[in-house]
Amino acid sequence: MRIAAKPTEQEMIEGPQAVSFQIANGNARHSCILQTELPTKALAQKYLLANWPVVEKMARDALAAGNLEDGPIKLVIA
């Protein structure tokens, strides 16, 4: 098992990381941003992939509710 790399000084300064992804809705694609409390992009991406079914459901629920402003769907994982 690999041990995750420690955050760099730059990543510590930047703080929590976000990852972007898209979901398809018919013929349209919608941009999404997942804001995490994780210190590195690699960990945030790994979290997204490991929890994809839950994250995708959250994004689709937000899309169905229509509570979207112009721009991407914004999800926050604390």
PDB file of N, CA and C in Angstrom:
ATOM      1  N   MET A   1       0.841  -1.164   0.000  1.00  0.00           N
ATOM      2  CA  MET A   1       0.000   0.000   0.000  1.00  0.00           C
ATOM      3  C   MET A   1       0.891   1.234   0.000  1.00  0.00           C
ATOM      4  N   ARG A   2       0.518   2.204  -0.801  1.00  0.00           N
ATOM      5  CA  ARG A   2       1.295   3.425  -0.909  1.00  0.00           C
ATOM      6  C   ARG A   2       0.854   4.430   0.141  1.00  0.00           C
ATOM      7  N   ILE A   3       1.790   5.166   0.647  1.00  0.00           N
ATOM      8  CA  ILE A   3       1.495   6.235   1.599  1.00  0.00           C
ATOM      9  C   ILE A   3       1.404   7.532   0.813  1.00  0.00           C
ATOM     10  N   ALA A   4       0.351   8.307   1.085  1.00  0.00           N
ATOM     11  CA  ALA A   4       0.152   9.559   0.367  1.00  0.00           C
ATOM     12  C   ALA A   4       1.279  10.537   0.698  1.00  0.00           C
ATOM     13  N   ALA A   5       1.672  11.296  -0.317  1.00  0.00           N
ATOM     14  CA  ALA A   5       2.725  12.282  -0.130  1.00  0.00           C
ATOM     15  C   ALA A   5       2.231  13.397   0.785  1.00  0.00           C
ATOM     16  N   LYS A   6       3.145  13.925   1.565  1.00  0.00           N
ATOM     17  CA  LYS A   6       2.794  15.039   2.437  1.00  0.00           C
ATOM     18  C   LYS A   6       2.586  16.284   1.575  1.00  0.00           C
ATOM     19  N   PRO A   7       1.673  17.156   1.991  1.00  0.00           N
ATOM     20  CA  PRO A   7       1.446  18.373   1.208  1.00  0.00           C
ATOM     21  C   PRO A   7       2.706  19.238   1.145  1.00  0.00           C
ATOM     22  N   THR A   8       2.890  19.867  -0.005  1.00  0.00           N
ATOM     23  CA  THR A   8       4.019  20.776  -0.156  1.00  0.00           C
ATOM     24  C   THR A   8       3.702  22.085   0.547  1.00  0.00           C
ATOM     25  N   GLU A   9       4.716  22.923   0.689  1.00  0.00           N
ATOM     26  CA  GLU A   9       4.506  24.225   1.322  1.00  0.00           C
ATOM     27  C   GLU A   9       3.492  25.045   0.526  1.00  0.00           C
ATOM     28  N   GLN A  10       3.567  24.976  -0.807  1.00  0.00           N
ATOM     29  CA  GLN A  10       2.621  25.700  -1.664  1.00  0.00           C
ATOM     30  C   GLN A  10       1.197  25.206  -1.428  1.00  0.00           C
ATOM     31  N   GLU A  11       1.010  23.901  -1.318  1.00  0.00           N
ATOM     32  CA  GLU A  11      -0.320  23.349  -1.075  1.00  0.00           C
ATOM     33  C   GLU A  11      -0.847  23.753   0.296  1.00  0.00           C
ATOM     34  N   MET A  12       0.041  23.833   1.276  1.00  0.00           N
ATOM     35  CA  MET A  12      -0.377  24.273   2.607  1.00  0.00           C
ATOM     36  C   MET A  12      -0.845  25.725   2.569  1.00  0.00           C
ATOM     37  N   ILE A  13      -0.185  26.538   1.780  1.00  0.00           N
ATOM     38  CA  ILE A  13      -0.571  27.945   1.645  1.00  0.00           C
ATOM     39  C   ILE A  13      -1.912  28.050   0.923  1.00  0.00           C
ATOM     40  N   GLU A  14      -2.096  27.236  -0.126  1.00  0.00           N
ATOM     41  CA  GLU A  14      -3.332  27.276  -0.909  1.00  0.00           C
ATOM     42  C   GLU A  14      -4.529  26.784  -0.113  1.00  0.00           C
ATOM     43  N   GLY A  15      -4.302  25.876   0.813  1.00  0.00           N
ATOM     44  CA  GLY A  15      -5.394  25.367   1.635  1.00  0.00           C
ATOM     45  C   GLY A  15      -6.164  24.251   0.952  1.00  0.00           C
ATOM     46  N   PRO A  16      -7.424  24.048   1.369  1.00  0.00           N
ATOM     47  CA  PRO A  16      -8.230  22.945   0.838  1.00  0.00           C
ATOM     48  C   PRO A  16      -8.326  22.987  -0.686  1.00  0.00           C
ATOM     49  N   GLN A  17      -8.377  21.804  -1.281  1.00  0.00           N
ATOM     50  CA  GLN A  17      -8.348  21.688  -2.740  1.00  0.00           C
ATOM     51  C   GLN A  17      -9.722  21.364  -3.328  1.00  0.00           C
ATOM     52  N   ALA A  18      -9.912  21.734  -4.558  1.00  0.00           N
ATOM     53  CA  ALA A  18     -11.131  21.439  -5.306  1.00  0.00           C
ATOM     54  C   ALA A  18     -10.754  20.681  -6.571  1.00  0.00           C
ATOM     55  N   VAL A  19     -11.664  19.825  -7.032  1.00  0.00           N
ATOM     56  CA  VAL A  19     -11.476  19.123  -8.293  1.00  0.00           C
ATOM     57  C   VAL A  19     -12.695  19.372  -9.164  1.00  0.00           C
ATOM     58  N   SER A  20     -12.470  19.436 -10.453  1.00  0.00           N
ATOM     59  CA  SER A  20     -13.549  19.677 -11.409  1.00  0.00           C
ATOM     60  C   SER A  20     -13.863  18.393 -12.160  1.00  0.00           C
ATOM     61  N   PHE A  21     -15.123  18.255 -12.540  1.00  0.00           N
ATOM     62  CA  PHE A  21     -15.557  17.129 -13.354  1.00  0.00           C
ATOM     63  C   PHE A  21     -16.820  17.538 -14.093  1.00  0.00           C
ATOM     64  N   GLN A  22     -17.281  16.699 -14.993  1.00  0.00           N
ATOM     65  CA  GLN A  22     -18.497  16.966 -15.744  1.00  0.00           C
ATOM     66  C   GLN A  22     -19.431  15.781 -15.623  1.00  0.00           C
ATOM     67  N   ILE A  23     -20.743  16.089 -15.686  1.00  0.00           N
ATOM     68  CA  ILE A  23     -21.746  15.032 -15.774  1.00  0.00           C
ATOM     69  C   ILE A  23     -22.576  15.296 -17.024  1.00  0.00           C
ATOM     70  N   ALA A  24     -23.046  14.223 -17.620  1.00  0.00           N
ATOM     71  CA  ALA A  24     -23.875  14.325 -18.811  1.00  0.00           C
ATOM     72  C   ALA A  24     -25.337  14.342 -18.399  1.00  0.00           C
ATOM     73  N   ASN A  25     -26.112  15.173 -19.096  1.00  0.00           N
ATOM     74  CA  ASN A  25     -27.553  15.244 -18.885  1.00  0.00           C
ATOM     75  C   ASN A  25     -28.185  15.295 -20.270  1.00  0.00           C
ATOM     76  N   GLY A  26     -28.560  14.133 -20.778  1.00  0.00           N
ATOM     77  CA  GLY A  26     -29.027  14.076 -22.162  1.00  0.00           C
ATOM     78  C   GLY A  26     -27.859  14.368 -23.081  1.00  0.00           C
ATOM     79  N   ASN A  27     -28.028  15.355 -23.963  1.00  0.00           N
ATOM     80  CA  ASN A  27     -26.951  15.741 -24.876  1.00  0.00           C
ATOM     81  C   ASN A  27     -26.074  16.841 -24.301  1.00  0.00           C
ATOM     82  N   ALA A  28     -26.429  17.343 -23.128  1.00  0.00           N
ATOM     83  CA  ALA A  28     -25.677  18.445 -22.517  1.00  0.00           C
ATOM     84  C   ALA A  28     -24.705  17.921 -21.466  1.00  0.00           C
ATOM     85  N   ARG A  29     -23.667  18.681 -21.247  1.00  0.00           N
ATOM     86  CA  ARG A  29     -22.714  18.379 -20.179  1.00  0.00           C
ATOM     87  C   ARG A  29     -22.732  19.552 -19.208  1.00  0.00           C
ATOM     88  N   HIS A  30     -22.616  19.228 -17.937  1.00  0.00           N
ATOM     89  CA  HIS A  30     -22.609  20.256 -16.908  1.00  0.00           C
ATOM     90  C   HIS A  30     -21.309  20.166 -16.118  1.00  0.00           C
ATOM     91  N   SER A  31     -20.663  21.297 -15.962  1.00  0.00           N
ATOM     92  CA  SER A  31     -19.438  21.362 -15.170  1.00  0.00           C
ATOM     93  C   SER A  31     -19.786  21.317 -13.695  1.00  0.00           C
ATOM     94  N   CYS A  32     -18.934  20.670 -12.932  1.00  0.00           N
ATOM     95  CA  CYS A  32     -19.112  20.552 -11.488  1.00  0.00           C
ATOM     96  C   CYS A  32     -17.776  20.788 -10.810  1.00  0.00           C
ATOM     97  N   ILE A  33     -17.850  21.314  -9.599  1.00  0.00           N
ATOM     98  CA  ILE A  33     -16.655  21.505  -8.780  1.00  0.00           C
ATOM     99  C   ILE A  33     -16.929  20.874  -7.429  1.00  0.00           C
ATOM    100  N   LEU A  34     -16.023  20.024  -6.993  1.00  0.00           N
ATOM    101  CA  LEU A  34     -16.110  19.392  -5.686  1.00  0.00           C
ATOM    102  C   LEU A  34     -15.064  20.034  -4.784  1.00  0.00           C
ATOM    103  N   GLN A  35     -15.521  20.795  -3.792  1.00  0.00           N
ATOM    104  CA  GLN A  35     -14.615  21.427  -2.832  1.00  0.00           C
ATOM    105  C   GLN A  35     -14.411  20.471  -1.671  1.00  0.00           C
ATOM    106  N   THR A  36     -13.148  20.203  -1.342  1.00  0.00           N
ATOM    107  CA  THR A  36     -12.833  19.276  -0.259  1.00  0.00           C
ATOM    108  C   THR A  36     -12.020  19.992   0.818  1.00  0.00           C
ATOM    109  N   GLU A  37     -11.797  19.309   1.903  1.00  0.00           N
ATOM    110  CA  GLU A  37     -10.916  19.800   2.966  1.00  0.00           C
ATOM    111  C   GLU A  37      -9.531  19.167   2.850  1.00  0.00           C
ATOM    112  N   LEU A  38      -9.304  18.443   1.783  1.00  0.00           N
ATOM    113  CA  LEU A  38      -8.049  17.717   1.611  1.00  0.00           C
ATOM    114  C   LEU A  38      -6.929  18.662   1.183  1.00  0.00           C
ATOM    115  N   PRO A  39      -5.692  18.415   1.638  1.00  0.00           N
ATOM    116  CA  PRO A  39      -4.595  19.356   1.398  1.00  0.00           C
ATOM    117  C   PRO A  39      -3.944  19.267   0.018  1.00  0.00           C
ATOM    118  N   THR A  40      -4.156  18.174  -0.733  1.00  0.00           N
ATOM    119  CA  THR A  40      -3.502  18.058  -2.042  1.00  0.00           C
ATOM    120  C   THR A  40      -4.522  17.724  -3.125  1.00  0.00           C
ATOM    121  N   LYS A  41      -4.191  18.134  -4.349  1.00  0.00           N
ATOM    122  CA  LYS A  41      -5.047  17.819  -5.496  1.00  0.00           C
ATOM    123  C   LYS A  41      -5.149  16.311  -5.683  1.00  0.00           C
ATOM    124  N   ALA A  42      -4.052  15.606  -5.490  1.00  0.00           N
ATOM    125  CA  ALA A  42      -4.048  14.154  -5.682  1.00  0.00           C
ATOM    126  C   ALA A  42      -5.023  13.482  -4.722  1.00  0.00           C
ATOM    127  N   LEU A  43      -5.034  13.914  -3.456  1.00  0.00           N
ATOM    128  CA  LEU A  43      -5.967  13.334  -2.497  1.00  0.00           C
ATOM    129  C   LEU A  43      -7.408  13.693  -2.826  1.00  0.00           C
ATOM    130  N   ALA A  44      -7.627  14.915  -3.291  1.00  0.00           N
ATOM    131  CA  ALA A  44      -8.974  15.335  -3.666  1.00  0.00           C
ATOM    132  C   ALA A  44      -9.479  14.511  -4.857  1.00  0.00           C
ATOM    133  N   GLN A  45      -8.612  14.285  -5.844  1.00  0.00           N
ATOM    134  CA  GLN A  45      -8.986  13.476  -7.010  1.00  0.00           C
ATOM    135  C   GLN A  45      -9.249  12.033  -6.591  1.00  0.00           C
ATOM    136  N   LYS A  46      -8.421  11.511  -5.707  1.00  0.00           N
ATOM    137  CA  LYS A  46      -8.598  10.145  -5.225  1.00  0.00           C
ATOM    138  C   LYS A  46      -9.928  10.019  -4.472  1.00  0.00           C
ATOM    139  N   TYR A  47     -10.272  11.029  -3.690  1.00  0.00           N
ATOM    140  CA  TYR A  47     -11.549  11.035  -2.976  1.00  0.00           C
ATOM    141  C   TYR A  47     -12.710  11.023  -3.966  1.00  0.00           C
ATOM    142  N   LEU A  48     -12.617  11.854  -5.010  1.00  0.00           N
ATOM    143  CA  LEU A  48     -13.665  11.903  -6.023  1.00  0.00           C
ATOM    144  C   LEU A  48     -13.872  10.536  -6.665  1.00  0.00           C
ATOM    145  N   LEU A  49     -12.793   9.888  -7.047  1.00  0.00           N
ATOM    146  CA  LEU A  49     -12.900   8.588  -7.701  1.00  0.00           C
ATOM    147  C   LEU A  49     -13.416   7.506  -6.758  1.00  0.00           C
ATOM    148  N   ALA A  50     -12.981   7.550  -5.508  1.00  0.00           N
ATOM    149  CA  ALA A  50     -13.400   6.537  -4.542  1.00  0.00           C
ATOM    150  C   ALA A  50     -14.866   6.689  -4.148  1.00  0.00           C
ATOM    151  N   ASN A  51     -15.381   7.911  -4.219  1.00  0.00           N
ATOM    152  CA  ASN A  51     -16.751   8.187  -3.795  1.00  0.00           C
ATOM    153  C   ASN A  51     -17.631   8.647  -4.949  1.00  0.00           C
ATOM    154  N   TRP A  52     -17.276   8.253  -6.168  1.00  0.00           N
ATOM    155  CA  TRP A  52     -17.977   8.720  -7.354  1.00  0.00           C
ATOM    156  C   TRP A  52     -19.495   8.523  -7.296  1.00  0.00           C
ATOM    157  N   PRO A  53     -20.019   7.374  -6.903  1.00  0.00           N
ATOM    158  CA  PRO A  53     -21.489   7.226  -6.903  1.00  0.00           C
ATOM    159  C   PRO A  53     -22.194   8.265  -6.024  1.00  0.00           C
ATOM    160  N   VAL A  54     -21.646   8.561  -4.872  1.00  0.00           N
ATOM    161  CA  VAL A  54     -22.252   9.538  -3.960  1.00  0.00           C
ATOM    162  C   VAL A  54     -22.136  10.950  -4.535  1.00  0.00           C
ATOM    163  N   VAL A  55     -20.952  11.288  -5.052  1.00  0.00           N
ATOM    164  CA  VAL A  55     -20.722  12.615  -5.605  1.00  0.00           C
ATOM    165  C   VAL A  55     -21.603  12.838  -6.835  1.00  0.00           C
ATOM    166  N   GLU A  56     -21.693  11.829  -7.698  1.00  0.00           N
ATOM    167  CA  GLU A  56     -22.523  11.957  -8.892  1.00  0.00           C
ATOM    168  C   GLU A  56     -23.986  12.155  -8.506  1.00  0.00           C
ATOM    169  N   LYS A  57     -24.468  11.430  -7.510  1.00  0.00           N
ATOM    170  CA  LYS A  57     -25.854  11.581  -7.065  1.00  0.00           C
ATOM    171  C   LYS A  57     -26.106  12.990  -6.533  1.00  0.00           C
ATOM    172  N   MET A  58     -25.139  13.512  -5.767  1.00  0.00           N
ATOM    173  CA  MET A  58     -25.277  14.881  -5.260  1.00  0.00           C
ATOM    174  C   MET A  58     -25.371  15.879  -6.416  1.00  0.00           C
ATOM    175  N   ALA A  59     -24.546  15.706  -7.424  1.00  0.00           N
ATOM    176  CA  ALA A  59     -24.545  16.612  -8.570  1.00  0.00           C
ATOM    177  C   ALA A  59     -25.855  16.493  -9.353  1.00  0.00           C
ATOM    178  N   ARG A  60     -26.319  15.272  -9.558  1.00  0.00           N
ATOM    179  CA  ARG A  60     -27.575  15.089 -10.296  1.00  0.00           C
ATOM    180  C   ARG A  60     -28.771  15.621  -9.504  1.00  0.00           C
ATOM    181  N   ASP A  61     -28.753  15.465  -8.184  1.00  0.00           N
ATOM    182  CA  ASP A  61     -29.820  16.019  -7.352  1.00  0.00           C
ATOM    183  C   ASP A  61     -29.847  17.545  -7.439  1.00  0.00           C
ATOM    184  N   ALA A  62     -28.672  18.168  -7.414  1.00  0.00           N
ATOM    185  CA  ALA A  62     -28.584  19.625  -7.540  1.00  0.00           C
ATOM    186  C   ALA A  62     -29.087  20.074  -8.914  1.00  0.00           C
ATOM    187  N   LEU A  63     -28.740  19.316  -9.939  1.00  0.00           N
ATOM    188  CA  LEU A  63     -29.188  19.636 -11.289  1.00  0.00           C
ATOM    189  C   LEU A  63     -30.702  19.505 -11.401  1.00  0.00           C
ATOM    190  N   ALA A  64     -31.267  18.441 -10.834  1.00  0.00           N
ATOM    191  CA  ALA A  64     -32.711  18.216 -10.887  1.00  0.00           C
ATOM    192  C   ALA A  64     -33.479  19.258 -10.084  1.00  0.00           C
ATOM    193  N   ALA A  65     -32.911  19.718  -8.974  1.00  0.00           N
ATOM    194  CA  ALA A  65     -33.582  20.712  -8.137  1.00  0.00           C
ATOM    195  C   ALA A  65     -33.614  22.074  -8.821  1.00  0.00           C
ATOM    196  N   GLY A  66     -32.711  22.301  -9.753  1.00  0.00           N
ATOM    197  CA  GLY A  66     -32.696  23.560 -10.480  1.00  0.00           C
ATOM    198  C   GLY A  66     -32.195  24.729  -9.650  1.00  0.00           C
ATOM    199  N   ASN A  67     -31.534  24.460  -8.553  1.00  0.00           N
ATOM    200  CA  ASN A  67     -31.024  25.518  -7.690  1.00  0.00           C
ATOM    201  C   ASN A  67     -29.650  25.978  -8.150  1.00  0.00           C
ATOM    202  N   LEU A  68     -29.464  26.086  -9.432  1.00  0.00           N
ATOM    203  CA  LEU A  68     -28.150  26.407  -9.972  1.00  0.00           C
ATOM    204  C   LEU A  68     -28.078  27.859 -10.403  1.00  0.00           C
ATOM    205  N   GLU A  69     -26.965  28.473 -10.089  1.00  0.00           N
ATOM    206  CA  GLU A  69     -26.674  29.780 -10.619  1.00  0.00           C
ATOM    207  C   GLU A  69     -25.966  29.559 -11.945  1.00  0.00           C
ATOM    208  N   ASP A  70     -25.701  30.623 -12.668  1.00  0.00           N
ATOM    209  CA  ASP A  70     -24.931  30.464 -13.897  1.00  0.00           C
ATOM    210  C   ASP A  70     -23.567  29.916 -13.535  1.00  0.00           C
ATOM    211  N   GLY A  71     -23.126  28.935 -14.264  1.00  0.00           N
ATOM    212  CA  GLY A  71     -21.812  28.363 -14.009  1.00  0.00           C
ATOM    213  C   GLY A  71     -21.915  26.937 -13.527  1.00  0.00           C
ATOM    214  N   PRO A  72     -20.825  26.444 -12.951  1.00  0.00           N
ATOM    215  CA  PRO A  72     -20.769  25.037 -12.570  1.00  0.00           C
ATOM    216  C   PRO A  72     -21.614  24.707 -11.330  1.00  0.00           C
ATOM    217  N   ILE A  73     -21.929  23.432 -11.188  1.00  0.00           N
ATOM    218  CA  ILE A  73     -22.575  22.924  -9.982  1.00  0.00           C
ATOM    219  C   ILE A  73     -21.481  22.857  -8.923  1.00  0.00           C
ATOM    220  N   LYS A  74     -21.737  23.454  -7.759  1.00  0.00           N
ATOM    221  CA  LYS A  74     -20.712  23.496  -6.707  1.00  0.00           C
ATOM    222  C   LYS A  74     -21.132  22.574  -5.572  1.00  0.00           C
ATOM    223  N   LEU A  75     -20.273  21.602  -5.284  1.00  0.00           N
ATOM    224  CA  LEU A  75     -20.512  20.648  -4.198  1.00  0.00           C
ATOM    225  C   LEU A  75     -19.412  20.822  -3.156  1.00  0.00           C
ATOM    226  N   VAL A  76     -19.784  20.677  -1.890  1.00  0.00           N
ATOM    227  CA  VAL A  76     -18.817  20.823  -0.810  1.00  0.00           C
ATOM    228  C   VAL A  76     -18.841  19.576   0.047  1.00  0.00           C
ATOM    229  N   ILE A  77     -17.678  18.987   0.252  1.00  0.00           N
ATOM    230  CA  ILE A  77     -17.522  17.839   1.132  1.00  0.00           C
ATOM    231  C   ILE A  77     -16.661  18.303   2.303  1.00  0.00           C
ATOM    232  N   ALA A  78     -17.213  18.192   3.490  1.00  0.00           N
ATOM    233  CA  ALA A  78     -16.453  18.631   4.662  1.00  0.00           C
ATOM    234  C   ALA A  78     -15.817  17.454   5.353  1.00  0.00           C
TER     235      ALA A  78
END
